Amino acid sequence: MAAIGAPSGAPPTFLADDASVFRDLFEGYGLESAEIQIYVDALGTPEAIDAAEGISHWVPEQAAEELGRLLLQHFAGSGP
């Protein structure tokens, strides 16, 4: 199965024209404008898009150790 990560050169493409390609991607999944804006705010920089490359939606299989470490770190900081 092919990865769904951002392809090489994605930041300029995804973020051009007020992130229209990025927005269209999420619109295709049925998200509303306000919901899409949350993703654009969080991932709408070339650095964030680059950081998202190289991993697909199969994170537990592709990066199990790192995922486990991050989850433990997250839960350790959570209250009851």
C-alpha atoms as a PDB file:
ATOM      1  CA  MET A   1       0.000   0.000   0.000  1.00  0.00           C
ATOM      2  CA  ALA A   2       1.380   3.414  -0.907  1.00  0.00           C
ATOM      3  CA  ALA A   3       2.121   6.021   1.728  1.00  0.00           C
ATOM      4  CA  ILE A   4      -0.177   9.000   1.968  1.00  0.00           C
ATOM      5  CA  GLY A   5       2.552  11.335   3.193  1.00  0.00           C
ATOM      6  CA  ALA A   6       3.274  14.588   1.418  1.00  0.00           C
ATOM      7  CA  PRO A   7       5.361  14.159  -1.743  1.00  0.00           C
ATOM      8  CA  SER A   8       8.691  15.885  -2.264  1.00  0.00           C
ATOM      9  CA  GLY A   9       8.139  19.544  -3.077  1.00  0.00           C
ATOM     10  CA  ALA A  10       4.787  19.519  -1.317  1.00  0.00           C
ATOM     11  CA  PRO A  11       5.142  22.679   0.807  1.00  0.00           C
ATOM     12  CA  PRO A  12       5.039  25.141  -2.110  1.00  0.00           C
ATOM     13  CA  THR A  13       2.222  23.196  -3.791  1.00  0.00           C
ATOM     14  CA  PHE A  14       0.130  22.623  -0.682  1.00  0.00           C
ATOM     15  CA  LEU A  15       0.542  26.159   0.641  1.00  0.00           C
ATOM     16  CA  ALA A  16       0.261  28.220  -2.562  1.00  0.00           C
ATOM     17  CA  ASP A  17      -2.761  30.472  -3.036  1.00  0.00           C
ATOM     18  CA  ASP A  18      -3.702  30.545   0.680  1.00  0.00           C
ATOM     19  CA  ALA A  19      -3.148  26.778   0.984  1.00  0.00           C
ATOM     20  CA  SER A  20      -5.875  26.046  -1.568  1.00  0.00           C
ATOM     21  CA  VAL A  21      -4.619  22.516  -2.371  1.00  0.00           C
ATOM     22  CA  PHE A  22      -4.352  21.742   1.340  1.00  0.00           C
ATOM     23  CA  ARG A  23      -7.845  23.131   1.938  1.00  0.00           C
ATOM     24  CA  ASP A  24      -9.281  21.204  -1.037  1.00  0.00           C
ATOM     25  CA  LEU A  25      -7.809  17.991   0.346  1.00  0.00           C
ATOM     26  CA  PHE A  26      -9.673  18.404   3.635  1.00  0.00           C
ATOM     27  CA  GLU A  27     -12.844  19.635   1.916  1.00  0.00           C
ATOM     28  CA  GLY A  28     -12.821  16.368  -0.001  1.00  0.00           C
ATOM     29  CA  TYR A  29     -13.107  14.565   3.341  1.00  0.00           C
ATOM     30  CA  GLY A  30     -16.175  16.635   4.229  1.00  0.00           C
ATOM     31  CA  LEU A  31     -14.631  19.052   6.722  1.00  0.00           C
ATOM     32  CA  GLU A  32     -16.155  22.477   7.186  1.00  0.00           C
ATOM     33  CA  SER A  33     -14.137  25.683   6.700  1.00  0.00           C
ATOM     34  CA  ALA A  34     -13.646  26.236  10.441  1.00  0.00           C
ATOM     35  CA  GLU A  35     -12.381  22.661  10.869  1.00  0.00           C
ATOM     36  CA  ILE A  36     -10.038  23.035   7.911  1.00  0.00           C
ATOM     37  CA  GLN A  37      -8.654  26.265   9.331  1.00  0.00           C
ATOM     38  CA  ILE A  38      -7.511  24.381  12.443  1.00  0.00           C
ATOM     39  CA  TYR A  39      -5.370  22.130  10.244  1.00  0.00           C
ATOM     40  CA  VAL A  40      -4.083  25.037   8.160  1.00  0.00           C
ATOM     41  CA  ASP A  41      -3.123  26.907  11.335  1.00  0.00           C
ATOM     42  CA  ALA A  42      -1.279  23.882  12.725  1.00  0.00           C
ATOM     43  CA  LEU A  43       0.288  22.540   9.512  1.00  0.00           C
ATOM     44  CA  GLY A  44       0.284  25.537   7.195  1.00  0.00           C
ATOM     45  CA  THR A  45       4.022  26.175   7.117  1.00  0.00           C
ATOM     46  CA  PRO A  46       6.683  24.582   4.909  1.00  0.00           C
ATOM     47  CA  GLU A  47       8.410  23.246   8.045  1.00  0.00           C
ATOM     48  CA  ALA A  48       5.249  21.516   9.277  1.00  0.00           C
ATOM     49  CA  ILE A  49       4.503  19.990   5.873  1.00  0.00           C
ATOM     50  CA  ASP A  50       8.108  18.762   5.597  1.00  0.00           C
ATOM     51  CA  ALA A  51       7.874  17.227   9.076  1.00  0.00           C
ATOM     52  CA  ALA A  52       4.761  15.294   7.980  1.00  0.00           C
ATOM     53  CA  GLU A  53       6.568  13.652   5.031  1.00  0.00           C
ATOM     54  CA  GLY A  54       7.892  10.120   5.176  1.00  0.00           C
ATOM     55  CA  ILE A  55       5.151   8.516   7.256  1.00  0.00           C
ATOM     56  CA  SER A  56       1.771   7.284   6.148  1.00  0.00           C
ATOM     57  CA  HIS A  57      -1.377   6.736   8.136  1.00  0.00           C
ATOM     58  CA  TRP A  58       0.135   3.383   9.218  1.00  0.00           C
ATOM     59  CA  VAL A  59       2.096   5.073  12.021  1.00  0.00           C
ATOM     60  CA  PRO A  60       1.843   2.156  14.506  1.00  0.00           C
ATOM     61  CA  GLU A  61       3.461  -0.173  11.984  1.00  0.00           C
ATOM     62  CA  GLN A  62       6.026   2.254  10.592  1.00  0.00           C
ATOM     63  CA  ALA A  63       7.123   4.085  13.735  1.00  0.00           C
ATOM     64  CA  ALA A  64       5.963   1.962  16.664  1.00  0.00           C
ATOM     65  CA  GLU A  65       8.821   2.883  19.018  1.00  0.00           C
ATOM     66  CA  GLU A  66       8.533   6.612  18.443  1.00  0.00           C
ATOM     67  CA  LEU A  67       4.745   6.503  18.690  1.00  0.00           C
ATOM     68  CA  GLY A  68       4.918   4.578  21.955  1.00  0.00           C
ATOM     69  CA  ARG A  69       7.451   7.022  23.393  1.00  0.00           C
ATOM     70  CA  LEU A  70       5.337  10.014  22.420  1.00  0.00           C
ATOM     71  CA  LEU A  71       2.140   8.477  23.782  1.00  0.00           C
ATOM     72  CA  LEU A  72       3.785   7.668  27.119  1.00  0.00           C
ATOM     73  CA  GLN A  73       5.171  11.201  27.284  1.00  0.00           C
ATOM     74  CA  HIS A  74       1.729  12.617  26.497  1.00  0.00           C
ATOM     75  CA  PHE A  75      -0.119  10.454  29.032  1.00  0.00           C
ATOM     76  CA  ALA A  76       2.457  11.156  31.738  1.00  0.00           C
ATOM     77  CA  GLY A  77       1.568  14.840  31.467  1.00  0.00           C
ATOM     78  CA  SER A  78      -2.197  14.222  31.570  1.00  0.00           C
ATOM     79  CA  GLY A  79      -4.236  14.506  34.728  1.00  0.00           C
ATOM     80  CA  PRO A  80      -7.005  12.143  35.800  1.00  0.00           C
END
